[in-house]
Amino acid sequence: MEWEKQETMRLLQSRPGTVYQESSDEEKQIYRQWLKKILHTGVTSVTFVKSDGSLREMKATLDPVYVPATAYPTATSGTVSESAKQPRAENDDVCKVWDTEAGAWRSFRYDRIKTISIQLG
């Protein structure tokens, strides 16, 4: 909850936020598309502020090479992941990714990202 308090104070004091927070809707869409393309190319280290205010570094990906086939629900296999049982409405402010260290689907908010580290080659 500390992050929410800090964010409320930032807004009340009219201090600038992250690049994402200060972007137009069109720029936010471009940013989200860019990050998802990066996540589809391998494992990316994303550091973000959790809802409790603490920092977390996640090894995240959307690359099918790193996501087990059983993590995806399929009509023929009958295997449905726990998160797929209750479909949720899409939220453009949240990025759902595969956490390679936890071996599960996780998510983070784009406006809480602190760093993105990409390893090339």
Protein backbone atom coordinates (compact mmCIF):
# COMPACT_ATOMS: atom_id res chain seq x y z
CA MET A 1 0.00 0.00 0.00
CA GLU A 2 3.00 2.29 0.35
CA TRP A 3 3.19 2.69 -3.43
CA GLU A 4 -0.43 3.89 -3.59
CA LYS A 5 0.29 6.49 -0.91
CA GLN A 6 3.35 7.72 -2.79
CA GLU A 7 1.41 7.81 -6.04
CA THR A 8 -1.43 9.78 -4.43
CA MET A 9 1.06 12.31 -3.03
CA ARG A 10 2.74 12.59 -6.46
CA LEU A 11 -0.60 13.37 -8.08
CA LEU A 12 -1.63 15.85 -5.36
CA GLN A 13 1.68 17.68 -5.72
CA SER A 14 1.45 17.61 -9.55
CA ARG A 15 4.86 15.92 -9.82
CA PRO A 16 5.66 14.11 -13.06
CA GLY A 17 5.30 10.33 -13.09
CA THR A 18 6.89 7.61 -15.16
CA VAL A 19 7.20 7.97 -18.92
CA TYR A 20 4.25 5.60 -19.26
CA GLN A 21 2.08 7.62 -16.86
CA GLU A 22 2.84 10.87 -18.68
CA SER A 23 2.23 9.42 -22.17
CA SER A 24 -0.81 9.91 -24.37
CA ASP A 25 -3.13 6.95 -24.98
CA GLU A 26 -1.55 6.42 -28.39
CA GLU A 27 1.97 6.46 -26.91
CA LYS A 28 0.90 3.99 -24.20
CA GLN A 29 -0.42 1.64 -26.86
CA ILE A 30 2.88 1.85 -28.77
CA TYR A 31 4.81 1.16 -25.54
CA ARG A 32 2.65 -1.87 -24.70
CA GLN A 33 3.06 -3.29 -28.21
CA TRP A 34 6.83 -2.71 -28.09
CA LEU A 35 7.21 -4.49 -24.75
CA LYS A 36 5.06 -7.43 -25.83
CA LYS A 37 7.22 -7.85 -28.96
CA ILE A 38 10.32 -7.89 -26.76
CA LEU A 39 8.71 -10.45 -24.43
CA HIS A 40 7.94 -12.69 -27.42
CA THR A 41 11.64 -12.85 -28.35
CA GLY A 42 13.00 -14.43 -25.16
CA VAL A 43 13.32 -13.89 -21.43
CA THR A 44 13.38 -10.28 -20.28
CA SER A 45 14.16 -8.99 -16.80
CA VAL A 46 11.46 -6.57 -15.62
CA THR A 47 11.73 -4.68 -12.34
CA PHE A 48 8.51 -3.15 -11.09
CA VAL A 49 6.77 -1.89 -7.96
CA LYS A 50 4.39 -4.46 -6.48
CA SER A 51 1.03 -3.43 -5.04
CA ASP A 52 2.53 -3.54 -1.52
CA GLY A 53 5.16 -0.98 -2.55
CA SER A 54 8.11 -3.37 -2.69
CA LEU A 55 10.32 -3.82 -5.75
CA ARG A 56 10.30 -7.11 -7.62
CA GLU A 57 12.50 -8.32 -10.43
CA MET A 58 10.88 -10.90 -12.67
CA LYS A 59 12.32 -13.01 -15.47
CA ALA A 60 9.35 -12.66 -17.82
CA THR A 61 8.50 -13.97 -21.27
CA LEU A 62 5.74 -14.51 -23.78
CA ASP A 63 8.00 -16.63 -25.98
CA PRO A 64 6.36 -20.05 -26.55
CA VAL A 65 9.82 -21.66 -26.35
CA TYR A 66 9.88 -20.92 -22.60
CA VAL A 67 6.18 -21.40 -21.76
CA PRO A 68 5.21 -25.05 -21.22
CA ALA A 69 2.47 -26.32 -23.51
CA THR A 70 0.45 -27.32 -20.44
CA ALA A 71 0.23 -23.65 -19.42
CA TYR A 72 -2.06 -22.98 -22.36
CA PRO A 73 -5.63 -24.32 -22.32
CA THR A 74 -6.51 -26.42 -25.35
CA ALA A 75 -9.81 -27.85 -26.49
CA THR A 76 -8.31 -31.21 -27.46
CA SER A 77 -6.10 -31.90 -24.46
CA GLY A 78 -8.68 -31.18 -21.81
CA THR A 79 -5.94 -29.50 -19.80
CA VAL A 80 -7.01 -26.14 -18.45
CA SER A 81 -4.73 -24.05 -16.30
CA GLU A 82 -6.08 -22.64 -13.06
CA SER A 83 -6.00 -19.09 -14.43
CA ALA A 84 -7.95 -20.12 -17.53
CA LYS A 85 -10.93 -21.45 -15.56
CA GLN A 86 -12.25 -17.99 -14.75
CA PRO A 87 -11.73 -15.70 -17.76
CA ARG A 88 -11.11 -12.10 -16.83
CA ALA A 89 -11.76 -8.92 -18.73
CA GLU A 90 -8.72 -7.63 -20.60
CA ASN A 91 -6.98 -4.75 -18.81
CA ASP A 92 -4.70 -2.64 -21.03
CA ASP A 93 -2.76 -1.37 -18.01
CA VAL A 94 -1.66 -4.89 -16.99
CA CYS A 95 0.83 -7.16 -18.76
CA LYS A 96 0.31 -10.90 -18.22
CA VAL A 97 3.55 -12.86 -18.66
CA TRP A 98 5.12 -16.22 -17.90
CA ASP A 99 7.48 -15.96 -14.90
CA THR A 100 10.30 -18.38 -15.77
CA GLU A 101 11.54 -18.58 -12.17
CA ALA A 102 8.11 -19.20 -10.60
CA GLY A 103 6.96 -21.39 -13.49
CA ALA A 104 3.57 -19.68 -13.55
CA TRP A 105 1.61 -16.84 -15.10
CA ARG A 106 2.13 -13.51 -13.35
CA SER A 107 1.33 -9.90 -14.18
CA PHE A 108 2.53 -6.37 -13.57
CA ARG A 109 1.22 -2.90 -14.31
CA TYR A 110 2.95 -0.94 -17.06
CA ASP A 111 2.87 2.25 -14.98
CA ARG A 112 4.87 0.55 -12.20
CA ILE A 113 7.79 -0.63 -14.33
CA LYS A 114 11.13 0.70 -13.14
CA THR A 115 13.57 -1.11 -15.48
CA ILE A 116 13.54 -3.48 -18.43
CA SER A 117 16.74 -5.44 -19.14
CA ILE A 118 17.09 -7.18 -22.47
CA GLN A 119 19.93 -9.56 -23.24
CA LEU A 120 20.86 -9.60 -26.91
CA GLY A 121 22.51 -12.55 -28.60
